[in-house]
Amino acid sequence: MHSSSQTTNALNNALVLRLPEVAHTKSGVAFCPTEDVWDMFDGPFRLRLDFLRLGEELAFVRDSLKACLLVFIRGNSPHYVQNLFSAFCHFLSMREQPAPFASFSVAEVSSYRARLKPHEAWRVGTLNVLVQKWHALGLPGVDDDAVDYLRERRKPGNKKGSAVRTRDPVHGPFSHAEYTSLYKAVDAAFGQGTLPEWAAVLTRLLFACGGRISQYASLKLADLVCKPDSFALQLPQAKNSEAHVRAAFKEFSLSPQTGRMVKEYVDALMAQGETLDSAMFPVARVLTGKSEKLRPVNDMFFGHCTARDLGRAVVANLQAISPPSDRLGYAPIPISTRRFRYTLGTRMAEEGASRAVIADALGHADLQNVGVYFEASPKIVENIDKAMDALLAPLANAFRGRLVEDEEHSTHKGAPGSRIIDLRVSTAPLASCSGKGSGCAFNKPVACYTCFKFEPWLDAPHEKVLARLEAERARLADDPQMARINDDAINAVRQVIAECEAVRAQRAGGEPQ
């Protein structure tokens, strides 16, 4: 082990580091490494490293840390670099020794490791990445035996997949009942005007594609593909070896209802002066008044939210309308963008998708991270979901409107916009809308059957609507994910038909006409 004098001599004798005046991130963003604060936008990320946090007493390791991080910033995402810097700062914050920090020594590293709580053991692995690179570059500030100490000991990482494997009710995938009730809560809140349109659109896309929030923050209006008879989304592949997050895309099919909703949203933005190169979720719309002064106008991502800001904003909006979860004593369902991703992977596994198909959908480069979706027993999951569905049935009721005799008994009695007709099945009206269709972006009349504003008429041709939806489902049988898109609507139509039959049966039994 090095003595204190040896360490001091090594630092004093080390060549003075010369940092370049200009360096570039992996995607080509230029910055000045000699500055005390690195603050820049890089694609959907914002990187801010404040080296002044180290204090004057650690000025001798500041340039070593910068030189080490420069290697990572040229080949890794800003998020990864931020984590490494945070790991070093956390290490310093945990020091209790009276002497100032001189170098990574066995005593320093072992003391840090001992002070971590069991659930924080993964931090050693993150710090180790930084220390090993620091030492490999020959930079002053790391003792040889400290490197050996870390190599000889198991460096536990963060336990990946445990939330999915255990179906954690806070961090894991949504149960079927939670998925359904949250989907409906979003529709209802959007219809009532209590959820911003951008948040409703983003939530639909989170359900449909299961991407990382950085991918949605990278979306542009041009990424919606409108085909003659369908819609698709070109989702940027943010986690790959390409130069930037928009260098590669994966196409996801959207349901007709979601596709039309996104198109109306895109058309509205275009009408307000945006272009196809504009952000799908503009910072000015998501975060009113948010400054863009750090991102130049010629930046590919000018006008985009950062992944962090977009994630926080949509979670805040969804948490405000989150329905209850039986798994948490009917407390609101905890929301995070990652849970949508876990839910898509879990549902695909339960529907029989292969590991390769799930890995492709979730954007994984290999199969090692998708096995967790298959580890929980399908039978156990099925039993849990059945129990949940029974308990949450009142919360997830497909038909939530009000059956009426005819138009004369509806809320608005034939006012413009209130009548609902599906010309694909009949020229006869089906129902009325108590909201007169105002501001509604949903697919009529499919979405109407699950809407609280829906007022179906007693003698309307609801059976024809059911027949059309069931035929559509049968046509998509080879694609389970697409086939189940209108399952809620199908159940709602069946409930309406059942209520109509119950009323007719009651009247046939002698009730006064």
Protein backbone atom coordinates (compact mmCIF):
# COMPACT_ATOMS: atom_id res chain seq x y z
CA MET A 1 0.00 0.00 0.00
CA HIS A 2 1.32 3.49 -0.81
CA SER A 3 2.35 5.66 2.09
CA SER A 4 1.10 9.23 2.39
CA SER A 5 4.46 10.62 1.31
CA GLN A 6 4.55 8.32 -1.72
CA THR A 7 1.13 9.50 -2.80
CA THR A 8 2.09 13.14 -2.37
CA ASN A 9 5.28 12.67 -4.35
CA ALA A 10 3.38 10.90 -7.12
CA LEU A 11 0.97 13.79 -7.40
CA ASN A 12 3.73 16.40 -7.30
CA ASN A 13 5.77 14.60 -9.93
CA ALA A 14 2.87 13.95 -12.31
CA LEU A 15 2.84 15.80 -15.59
CA VAL A 16 0.51 18.79 -15.59
CA LEU A 17 -2.66 17.81 -17.42
CA ARG A 18 -3.48 19.80 -20.50
CA LEU A 19 -7.17 19.70 -21.26
CA PRO A 20 -8.23 20.63 -24.80
CA GLU A 21 -9.93 23.95 -25.36
CA VAL A 22 -12.72 22.28 -27.31
CA ALA A 23 -14.13 18.74 -27.07
CA HIS A 24 -17.18 17.05 -28.57
CA THR A 25 -19.82 14.66 -27.28
CA LYS A 26 -20.68 11.43 -29.08
CA SER A 27 -23.29 13.27 -31.15
CA GLY A 28 -20.96 16.15 -31.99
CA VAL A 29 -21.94 18.86 -29.48
CA ALA A 30 -18.94 21.12 -28.82
CA PHE A 31 -18.00 22.35 -25.33
CA CYS A 32 -15.00 23.69 -23.42
CA PRO A 33 -13.53 21.13 -20.95
CA THR A 34 -11.49 23.78 -19.12
CA GLU A 35 -14.64 25.48 -17.82
CA ASP A 36 -15.66 24.82 -14.22
CA VAL A 37 -19.21 23.90 -15.24
CA TRP A 38 -20.06 21.73 -18.23
CA ASP A 39 -23.61 22.70 -19.15
CA MET A 40 -25.05 21.67 -22.51
CA PHE A 41 -28.01 20.12 -24.31
CA ASP A 42 -27.17 16.95 -26.19
CA GLY A 43 -30.15 15.53 -28.06
CA PRO A 44 -32.97 14.78 -25.60
CA PHE A 45 -30.59 15.08 -22.64
CA ARG A 46 -29.18 17.96 -20.64
CA LEU A 47 -25.73 17.40 -19.16
CA ARG A 48 -24.69 19.64 -16.29
CA LEU A 49 -21.52 18.82 -14.34
CA ASP A 50 -20.54 21.41 -11.73
CA PHE A 51 -16.89 20.76 -10.87
CA LEU A 52 -16.97 23.61 -8.36
CA ARG A 53 -18.80 21.17 -6.10
CA LEU A 54 -15.44 19.54 -5.46
CA GLY A 55 -14.13 22.59 -3.61
CA GLU A 56 -10.70 24.21 -3.72
CA GLU A 57 -9.16 21.49 -1.56
CA LEU A 58 -9.82 18.99 -4.38
CA ALA A 59 -8.59 21.18 -7.22
CA PHE A 60 -5.69 18.77 -7.76
CA VAL A 61 -8.06 15.95 -8.85
CA ARG A 62 -10.44 18.15 -10.81
CA ASP A 63 -8.53 17.96 -14.07
CA SER A 64 -7.99 14.22 -13.63
CA LEU A 65 -11.73 13.74 -13.25
CA LYS A 66 -12.41 15.91 -16.30
CA ALA A 67 -9.85 14.02 -18.40
CA CYS A 68 -11.43 10.72 -17.39
CA LEU A 69 -14.97 11.87 -18.14
CA LEU A 70 -13.86 13.18 -21.54
CA VAL A 71 -13.19 9.59 -22.58
CA PHE A 72 -16.71 8.54 -21.61
CA ILE A 73 -18.44 11.57 -23.11
CA ARG A 74 -17.00 10.78 -26.53
CA GLY A 75 -18.51 7.30 -26.63
CA ASN A 76 -21.44 7.20 -24.20
CA SER A 77 -24.72 8.98 -23.57
CA PRO A 78 -24.81 12.16 -21.45
CA HIS A 79 -26.96 10.28 -18.95
CA TYR A 80 -24.19 7.73 -18.43
CA VAL A 81 -21.58 10.46 -17.93
CA GLN A 82 -23.86 12.21 -15.45
CA ASN A 83 -24.13 8.98 -13.45
CA LEU A 84 -20.35 8.61 -13.26
CA PHE A 85 -19.92 12.19 -12.04
CA SER A 86 -22.70 11.65 -9.49
CA ALA A 87 -20.95 8.46 -8.31
CA PHE A 88 -17.78 10.44 -7.55
CA CYS A 89 -19.74 13.16 -5.74
CA HIS A 90 -21.59 10.54 -3.69
CA PHE A 91 -18.28 8.93 -2.74
CA LEU A 92 -17.02 12.29 -1.47
CA SER A 93 -20.23 12.98 0.44
CA MET A 94 -19.87 9.70 2.35
CA ARG A 95 -16.34 10.40 3.59
CA GLU A 96 -16.03 10.82 7.37
CA GLN A 97 -12.24 10.92 7.62
CA PRO A 98 -10.78 14.17 9.00
CA ALA A 99 -7.94 14.27 6.49
CA PRO A 100 -8.74 15.73 3.06
CA PHE A 101 -9.10 13.35 0.14
CA ALA A 102 -5.69 12.58 -1.43
CA SER A 103 -6.43 9.63 -3.74
CA PHE A 104 -8.52 6.52 -4.19
CA SER A 105 -6.80 4.19 -1.73
CA VAL A 106 -7.81 0.84 -0.26
CA ALA A 107 -8.73 2.57 2.98
CA GLU A 108 -10.93 5.12 1.19
CA VAL A 109 -12.71 2.60 -1.04
CA SER A 110 -13.24 -0.04 1.65
CA SER A 111 -14.56 2.59 4.07
CA TYR A 112 -17.03 3.82 1.44
CA ARG A 113 -18.14 0.27 0.72
CA ALA A 114 -18.72 -0.44 4.41
CA ARG A 115 -20.90 2.65 4.89
CA LEU A 116 -23.31 1.82 2.08
CA LYS A 117 -26.65 0.27 2.97
CA PRO A 118 -27.45 -3.17 1.47
CA HIS A 119 -29.72 -1.71 -1.21
CA GLU A 120 -26.95 0.73 -2.20
CA ALA A 121 -24.27 -1.90 -2.87
CA TRP A 122 -24.64 -1.28 -6.61
CA ARG A 123 -22.96 2.10 -6.15
CA VAL A 124 -19.59 0.39 -5.77
CA GLY A 125 -19.96 -1.04 -9.28
CA THR A 126 -20.65 2.40 -10.77
CA LEU A 127 -17.73 3.98 -8.93
CA ASN A 128 -15.50 1.09 -10.01
CA VAL A 129 -16.09 1.89 -13.71
CA LEU A 130 -14.79 5.42 -13.12
CA VAL A 131 -11.83 4.33 -10.99
CA GLN A 132 -10.69 1.62 -13.42
CA LYS A 133 -10.72 4.03 -16.38
CA TRP A 134 -9.04 6.74 -14.28
CA HIS A 135 -6.20 4.37 -13.43
CA ALA A 136 -5.92 2.94 -16.97
CA LEU A 137 -5.37 6.47 -18.32
CA GLY A 138 -2.46 6.96 -15.92
CA LEU A 139 -4.11 9.98 -14.32
CA PRO A 140 -3.04 11.02 -10.79
CA GLY A 141 -5.48 10.28 -7.99
CA VAL A 142 -5.78 6.45 -7.89
CA ASP A 143 -3.53 4.02 -5.98
CA ASP A 144 -2.59 0.73 -7.67
CA ASP A 145 -3.70 -1.41 -4.74
CA ALA A 146 -7.12 0.29 -4.68
CA VAL A 147 -7.66 -0.89 -8.26
CA ASP A 148 -6.62 -4.43 -7.26
CA TYR A 149 -8.91 -4.27 -4.23
CA LEU A 150 -11.91 -3.50 -6.42
CA ARG A 151 -11.01 -6.14 -8.99
CA GLU A 152 -10.70 -8.89 -6.36
CA ARG A 153 -14.10 -8.24 -4.85
CA ARG A 154 -17.52 -8.85 -6.21
CA LYS A 155 -18.96 -5.57 -7.41
CA PRO A 156 -22.72 -5.99 -7.28
CA GLY A 157 -24.71 -4.05 -9.81
CA ASN A 158 -28.24 -2.79 -9.49
CA LYS A 159 -30.54 -5.82 -9.52
CA LYS A 160 -32.07 -5.48 -12.95
CA GLY A 161 -35.47 -6.91 -13.64
CA SER A 162 -36.55 -7.52 -10.05
CA ALA A 163 -39.54 -5.16 -10.39
CA VAL A 164 -40.76 -7.11 -13.45
CA ARG A 165 -39.89 -10.52 -12.04
CA THR A 166 -41.86 -9.91 -8.82
CA ARG A 167 -44.65 -7.86 -10.49
CA ASP A 168 -43.84 -5.09 -8.03
CA PRO A 169 -47.03 -2.98 -7.52
CA VAL A 170 -45.03 0.28 -7.33
CA HIS A 171 -42.22 -0.13 -9.86
CA GLY A 172 -43.21 -3.17 -11.95
CA PRO A 173 -45.70 -3.65 -14.80
CA PHE A 174 -49.32 -2.63 -14.40
CA SER A 175 -51.77 -5.45 -13.77
CA HIS A 176 -54.49 -5.94 -16.38
CA ALA A 177 -57.03 -4.13 -14.20
CA GLU A 178 -54.65 -1.23 -13.54
CA TYR A 179 -53.82 -0.98 -17.24
CA THR A 180 -57.51 -0.83 -18.16
CA SER A 181 -58.55 1.63 -15.47
CA LEU A 182 -55.60 3.96 -16.19
CA TYR A 183 -56.35 3.89 -19.93
CA LYS A 184 -59.95 4.87 -19.23
CA ALA A 185 -58.97 7.53 -16.70
CA VAL A 186 -56.77 9.20 -19.31
CA ASP A 187 -59.60 9.15 -21.87
CA ALA A 188 -62.07 10.57 -19.35
CA ALA A 189 -59.71 13.31 -18.14
CA PHE A 190 -58.89 14.32 -21.73
CA GLY A 191 -62.59 14.38 -22.61
CA GLN A 192 -63.32 16.56 -19.57
CA GLY A 193 -60.45 18.91 -20.42
CA THR A 194 -58.51 18.20 -17.19
CA LEU A 195 -55.61 16.49 -18.99
CA PRO A 196 -53.59 18.44 -21.60
CA GLU A 197 -53.78 17.10 -25.13
CA TRP A 198 -50.02 16.53 -25.35
CA ALA A 199 -50.15 14.39 -22.18
CA ALA A 200 -53.07 12.31 -23.50
CA VAL A 201 -51.24 11.75 -26.81
CA LEU A 202 -47.97 10.84 -25.09
CA THR A 203 -49.74 8.39 -22.78
CA ARG A 204 -51.37 6.67 -25.75
CA LEU A 205 -47.94 6.31 -27.37
CA LEU A 206 -46.43 5.00 -24.12
CA PHE A 207 -49.12 2.32 -24.05
CA ALA A 208 -48.61 1.50 -27.73
CA CYS A 209 -44.81 1.44 -28.08
CA GLY A 210 -43.30 1.01 -24.61
CA GLY A 211 -40.32 3.21 -25.51
CA ARG A 212 -37.93 5.04 -23.23
CA ILE A 213 -38.94 8.61 -22.43
CA SER A 214 -35.82 9.87 -24.28
CA GLN A 215 -37.25 8.35 -27.47
CA TYR A 216 -40.49 10.31 -27.12
CA ALA A 217 -38.57 13.47 -26.30
CA SER A 218 -36.77 12.98 -29.64
CA LEU A 219 -39.96 12.69 -31.71
CA LYS A 220 -40.76 15.17 -34.47
CA LEU A 221 -44.10 15.78 -36.19
CA ALA A 222 -42.79 14.02 -39.30
CA ASP A 223 -42.48 10.76 -37.32
CA LEU A 224 -46.22 10.11 -37.58
CA VAL A 225 -46.77 8.05 -40.73
CA CYS A 226 -50.27 8.31 -42.23
CA LYS A 227 -50.94 5.45 -44.65
CA PRO A 228 -54.09 5.00 -46.77
CA ASP A 229 -55.72 2.65 -44.28
CA SER A 230 -53.53 2.79 -41.17
CA PHE A 231 -51.20 4.83 -38.96
CA ALA A 232 -47.68 4.17 -37.70
CA LEU A 233 -45.06 5.89 -35.58
CA GLN A 234 -41.37 6.02 -36.47
CA LEU A 235 -39.83 5.89 -32.99
CA PRO A 236 -36.17 7.04 -32.72
CA GLN A 237 -33.92 4.33 -31.30
CA ALA A 238 -32.21 6.28 -28.53
CA LYS A 239 -30.11 3.41 -27.15
CA ASN A 240 -27.85 2.17 -29.91
CA SER A 241 -24.37 2.66 -31.34
CA GLU A 242 -25.42 5.37 -33.79
CA ALA A 243 -24.06 8.91 -33.64
CA HIS A 244 -27.29 10.40 -32.29
CA VAL A 245 -30.73 9.24 -31.20
CA ARG A 246 -32.45 10.07 -34.50
CA ALA A 247 -30.01 8.10 -36.65
CA ALA A 248 -32.18 4.96 -36.55
CA PHE A 249 -35.93 4.31 -36.17
CA LYS A 250 -38.35 1.47 -35.48
CA GLU A 251 -41.87 1.56 -36.88
CA PHE A 252 -44.81 0.81 -34.55
CA SER A 253 -48.34 0.29 -35.85
CA LEU A 254 -50.95 2.42 -34.11
CA SER A 255 -54.59 1.57 -33.59
CA PRO A 256 -56.98 3.61 -35.75
CA GLN A 257 -58.23 5.47 -32.69
CA THR A 258 -54.74 6.36 -31.42
CA GLY A 259 -53.57 7.18 -34.94
CA ARG A 260 -56.41 9.62 -35.54
CA MET A 261 -55.87 11.20 -32.15
CA VAL A 262 -52.16 11.77 -32.85
CA LYS A 263 -52.93 13.08 -36.34
CA GLU A 264 -55.40 15.64 -35.03
CA TYR A 265 -52.78 16.73 -32.49
CA VAL A 266 -50.11 17.02 -35.21
CA ASP A 267 -52.49 18.91 -37.53
CA ALA A 268 -53.27 21.38 -34.74
CA LEU A 269 -49.57 22.06 -34.14
CA MET A 270 -49.00 22.51 -37.88
CA ALA A 271 -51.90 24.98 -38.01
CA GLN A 272 -50.18 27.00 -35.28
CA GLY A 273 -47.07 27.42 -37.42
CA GLU A 274 -45.01 24.37 -36.54
CA THR A 275 -43.32 22.35 -39.30
CA LEU A 276 -42.73 18.64 -39.84
CA ASP A 277 -39.27 19.17 -38.33
CA SER A 278 -40.76 20.55 -35.12
CA ALA A 279 -40.82 18.64 -31.84
CA MET A 280 -43.78 16.33 -31.27
CA PHE A 281 -43.84 17.51 -27.64
CA PRO A 282 -42.55 21.11 -27.74
CA VAL A 283 -40.95 22.48 -24.61
CA ALA A 284 -43.07 25.64 -24.94
CA ARG A 285 -46.24 23.53 -24.75
CA VAL A 286 -45.16 20.99 -22.12
CA LEU A 287 -43.34 23.48 -19.88
CA THR A 288 -44.84 26.91 -20.43
CA GLY A 289 -42.18 29.59 -20.43
CA LYS A 290 -39.27 27.15 -20.34
CA SER A 291 -36.08 28.80 -21.61
CA GLU A 292 -34.29 27.46 -24.68
CA LYS A 293 -31.32 29.81 -24.51
CA LEU A 294 -28.79 26.99 -23.98
CA ARG A 295 -29.84 25.22 -27.17
CA PRO A 296 -28.90 27.00 -30.42
CA VAL A 297 -31.53 27.50 -33.11
CA ASN A 298 -29.63 25.28 -35.53
CA ASP A 299 -29.61 22.39 -33.04
CA MET A 300 -31.48 19.34 -34.39
CA PHE A 301 -33.42 19.25 -31.12
CA PHE A 302 -34.25 22.94 -30.83
CA GLY A 303 -37.71 23.22 -29.29
CA HIS A 304 -37.60 19.71 -27.79
CA CYS A 305 -38.04 18.92 -24.11
CA THR A 306 -35.26 17.07 -22.37
CA ALA A 307 -36.11 13.49 -21.51
CA ARG A 308 -36.06 14.35 -17.82
CA ASP A 309 -38.42 17.33 -18.15
CA LEU A 310 -40.86 15.47 -20.40
CA GLY A 311 -40.93 12.46 -18.07
CA ARG A 312 -41.54 14.55 -14.99
CA ALA A 313 -44.29 16.57 -16.68
CA VAL A 314 -46.29 13.60 -17.96
CA VAL A 315 -45.95 11.72 -14.65
CA ALA A 316 -47.21 14.77 -12.74
CA ASN A 317 -50.25 15.03 -15.02
CA LEU A 318 -51.05 11.30 -14.82
CA GLN A 319 -50.52 11.03 -11.08
CA ALA A 320 -53.17 13.73 -10.60
CA ILE A 321 -55.82 11.52 -12.26
CA SER A 322 -54.47 8.10 -11.31
CA PRO A 323 -57.23 5.60 -10.43
CA PRO A 324 -56.98 3.33 -7.36
CA SER A 325 -55.06 0.05 -7.21
CA ASP A 326 -56.29 -2.86 -5.15
CA ARG A 327 -52.71 -4.05 -4.82
CA LEU A 328 -51.96 -0.96 -2.72
CA GLY A 329 -55.09 -0.80 -0.59
CA TYR A 330 -56.91 1.30 -3.21
CA ALA A 331 -54.27 4.01 -3.13
CA PRO A 332 -53.66 5.72 -6.51
CA ILE A 333 -51.63 3.69 -9.00
CA PRO A 334 -47.99 4.87 -8.83
CA ILE A 335 -46.97 6.23 -12.24
CA SER A 336 -43.59 6.18 -13.93
CA THR A 337 -42.81 6.10 -17.64
CA ARG A 338 -40.77 2.92 -17.16
CA ARG A 339 -43.86 1.02 -15.97
CA PHE A 340 -45.45 1.38 -19.43
CA ARG A 341 -42.36 -0.25 -20.92
CA TYR A 342 -42.45 -3.10 -18.42
CA THR A 343 -46.15 -3.57 -19.08
CA LEU A 344 -45.70 -3.91 -22.85
CA GLY A 345 -42.95 -6.50 -22.42
CA THR A 346 -44.99 -8.45 -19.87
CA ARG A 347 -48.17 -8.45 -21.96
CA MET A 348 -46.25 -9.59 -25.04
CA ALA A 349 -44.71 -12.48 -23.09
CA GLU A 350 -48.12 -13.52 -21.75
CA GLU A 351 -49.53 -13.45 -25.28
CA GLY A 352 -46.84 -15.86 -26.48
CA ALA A 353 -44.34 -13.53 -28.16
CA SER A 354 -40.79 -14.89 -28.45
CA ARG A 355 -37.76 -13.38 -26.74
CA ALA A 356 -36.50 -12.09 -30.08
CA VAL A 357 -39.79 -10.33 -30.85
CA ILE A 358 -39.91 -8.68 -27.41
CA ALA A 359 -36.26 -7.63 -27.62
CA ASP A 360 -36.93 -6.04 -31.01
CA ALA A 361 -40.03 -4.21 -29.78
CA LEU A 362 -38.24 -2.85 -26.71
CA GLY A 363 -35.10 -1.91 -28.62
CA HIS A 364 -32.69 -4.31 -26.90
CA ALA A 365 -29.56 -5.25 -28.84
CA ASP A 366 -29.61 -8.82 -27.46
CA LEU A 367 -31.87 -11.22 -25.55
CA GLN A 368 -30.21 -11.13 -22.13
CA ASN A 369 -32.51 -8.45 -20.72
CA VAL A 370 -35.86 -9.86 -21.85
CA GLY A 371 -35.78 -13.20 -20.02
CA VAL A 372 -37.20 -11.52 -16.93
CA TYR A 373 -40.57 -11.16 -18.68
CA PHE A 374 -40.85 -14.95 -18.79
CA GLU A 375 -39.62 -15.72 -15.28
CA ALA A 376 -42.86 -15.26 -13.33
CA SER A 377 -45.16 -18.23 -13.70
CA PRO A 378 -47.87 -17.45 -16.28
CA LYS A 379 -50.35 -19.37 -14.14
CA ILE A 380 -49.56 -17.24 -11.10
CA VAL A 381 -49.91 -14.09 -13.14
CA GLU A 382 -53.20 -15.32 -14.57
CA ASN A 383 -54.57 -16.07 -11.09
CA ILE A 384 -53.46 -12.71 -9.73
CA ASP A 385 -54.99 -10.81 -12.63
CA LYS A 386 -58.26 -12.74 -12.31
CA ALA A 387 -58.43 -11.86 -8.62
CA MET A 388 -57.65 -8.22 -9.39
CA ASP A 389 -60.25 -8.06 -12.14
CA ALA A 390 -62.94 -9.37 -9.80
CA LEU A 391 -62.06 -6.86 -7.09
CA LEU A 392 -61.74 -3.93 -9.47
CA ALA A 393 -64.73 -4.76 -11.66
CA PRO A 394 -66.70 -1.69 -10.48
CA LEU A 395 -63.68 0.49 -11.28
CA ALA A 396 -63.06 -0.99 -14.74
CA ASN A 397 -66.63 -1.23 -15.99
CA ALA A 398 -66.49 -0.93 -19.77
CA PHE A 399 -69.79 0.91 -20.27
CA ARG A 400 -69.97 4.00 -18.07
CA GLY A 401 -72.65 6.03 -19.88
CA ARG A 402 -76.43 6.21 -19.46
CA LEU A 403 -79.00 4.21 -21.43
CA VAL A 404 -81.86 6.42 -22.72
CA GLU A 405 -85.13 5.64 -24.50
CA ASP A 406 -84.45 7.76 -27.58
CA GLU A 407 -83.20 11.17 -28.69
CA GLU A 408 -86.08 12.93 -26.99
CA HIS A 409 -84.87 11.58 -23.64
CA SER A 410 -81.20 12.50 -24.19
CA THR A 411 -79.45 15.39 -22.47
CA HIS A 412 -79.48 17.76 -25.43
CA LYS A 413 -82.45 16.36 -27.40
CA GLY A 414 -81.00 16.59 -30.89
CA ALA A 415 -78.79 19.65 -30.51
CA PRO A 416 -76.06 19.97 -33.19
CA GLY A 417 -73.14 17.63 -32.51
CA SER A 418 -75.02 15.46 -30.05
CA ARG A 419 -76.20 12.72 -32.46
CA ILE A 420 -73.88 9.71 -32.98
CA ILE A 421 -74.12 7.68 -36.21
CA ASP A 422 -71.95 4.89 -37.62
CA LEU A 423 -72.63 4.82 -41.38
CA ARG A 424 -70.55 1.64 -41.70
CA VAL A 425 -73.38 -0.34 -40.10
CA SER A 426 -76.54 1.76 -40.44
CA THR A 427 -77.91 5.16 -41.35
CA ALA A 428 -79.99 5.05 -38.17
CA PRO A 429 -78.55 6.95 -35.17
CA LEU A 430 -77.04 4.93 -32.33
CA ALA A 431 -76.95 7.33 -29.45
CA SER A 432 -76.42 10.86 -28.19
CA CYS A 433 -73.40 12.60 -26.65
CA SER A 434 -74.03 14.62 -23.50
CA GLY A 435 -70.98 16.68 -24.40
CA LYS A 436 -72.23 17.34 -27.95
CA GLY A 437 -68.92 15.98 -29.27
CA SER A 438 -67.16 19.21 -28.33
CA GLY A 439 -63.37 18.90 -28.63
CA CYS A 440 -63.54 15.12 -28.85
CA ALA A 441 -60.59 13.54 -30.72
CA PHE A 442 -61.64 9.94 -30.25
CA ASN A 443 -62.80 7.40 -32.82
CA LYS A 444 -66.58 7.59 -33.05
CA PRO A 445 -68.56 5.54 -32.22
CA VAL A 446 -66.06 2.90 -30.99
CA ALA A 447 -64.63 5.10 -28.24
CA CYS A 448 -68.09 6.47 -27.42
CA TYR A 449 -69.23 3.17 -25.92
CA THR A 450 -66.61 3.47 -23.15
CA CYS A 451 -67.15 7.21 -22.57
CA PHE A 452 -69.09 8.58 -19.60
CA LYS A 453 -70.81 11.08 -21.94
CA PHE A 454 -72.33 8.29 -24.06
CA GLU A 455 -76.14 7.97 -24.11
CA PRO A 456 -77.07 4.88 -26.19
CA TRP A 457 -80.65 4.64 -27.44
CA LEU A 458 -82.74 1.66 -26.46
CA ASP A 459 -83.75 0.50 -29.94
CA ALA A 460 -80.59 1.49 -31.86
CA PRO A 461 -78.70 -1.13 -33.96
CA HIS A 462 -75.99 -1.85 -31.35
CA GLU A 463 -75.83 -5.49 -32.48
CA LYS A 464 -74.51 -4.37 -35.88
CA VAL A 465 -71.73 -2.38 -34.21
CA LEU A 466 -70.78 -5.45 -32.17
CA ALA A 467 -70.72 -7.63 -35.27
CA ARG A 468 -68.39 -5.19 -37.05
CA LEU A 469 -65.99 -4.97 -34.09
CA GLU A 470 -65.89 -8.74 -33.64
CA ALA A 471 -65.21 -9.21 -37.34
CA GLU A 472 -62.35 -6.71 -37.13
CA ARG A 473 -60.93 -8.56 -34.16
CA ALA A 474 -61.08 -11.88 -36.03
CA ARG A 475 -59.28 -10.29 -38.99
CA LEU A 476 -56.40 -9.27 -36.71
CA ALA A 477 -56.19 -12.64 -34.92
CA ASP A 478 -52.61 -13.20 -36.10
CA ASP A 479 -51.49 -10.08 -34.27
CA PRO A 480 -52.70 -10.40 -30.63
CA GLN A 481 -51.50 -6.92 -29.69
CA MET A 482 -53.54 -5.28 -32.44
CA ALA A 483 -56.49 -7.66 -31.99
CA ARG A 484 -57.10 -6.58 -28.39
CA ILE A 485 -57.12 -2.85 -29.17
CA ASN A 486 -60.94 -2.60 -29.18
CA ASP A 487 -61.63 -5.23 -26.51
CA ASP A 488 -62.92 -2.61 -24.06
CA ALA A 489 -65.26 -1.22 -26.69
CA ILE A 490 -66.50 -4.74 -27.53
CA ASN A 491 -67.24 -5.38 -23.85
CA ALA A 492 -68.99 -2.03 -23.56
CA VAL A 493 -71.21 -2.74 -26.61
CA ARG A 494 -72.10 -6.11 -25.12
CA GLN A 495 -73.05 -4.41 -21.85
CA VAL A 496 -75.24 -1.91 -23.71
CA ILE A 497 -76.96 -4.74 -25.60
CA ALA A 498 -77.48 -6.64 -22.32
CA GLU A 499 -79.01 -3.58 -20.65
CA CYS A 500 -81.31 -3.03 -23.63
CA GLU A 501 -82.44 -6.66 -23.48
CA ALA A 502 -83.02 -6.40 -19.74
CA VAL A 503 -85.27 -3.35 -20.22
CA ARG A 504 -87.23 -5.06 -23.00
CA ALA A 505 -87.61 -8.22 -20.92
CA GLN A 506 -88.86 -6.21 -17.97
CA ARG A 507 -91.40 -4.45 -20.13
CA ALA A 508 -92.52 -7.69 -21.71
CA GLY A 509 -93.21 -8.99 -18.24
CA GLY A 510 -96.06 -6.59 -17.73
CA GLU A 511 -94.53 -3.24 -16.91
CA PRO A 512 -96.92 -0.39 -17.94
CA GLN A 513 -96.04 1.06 -21.36
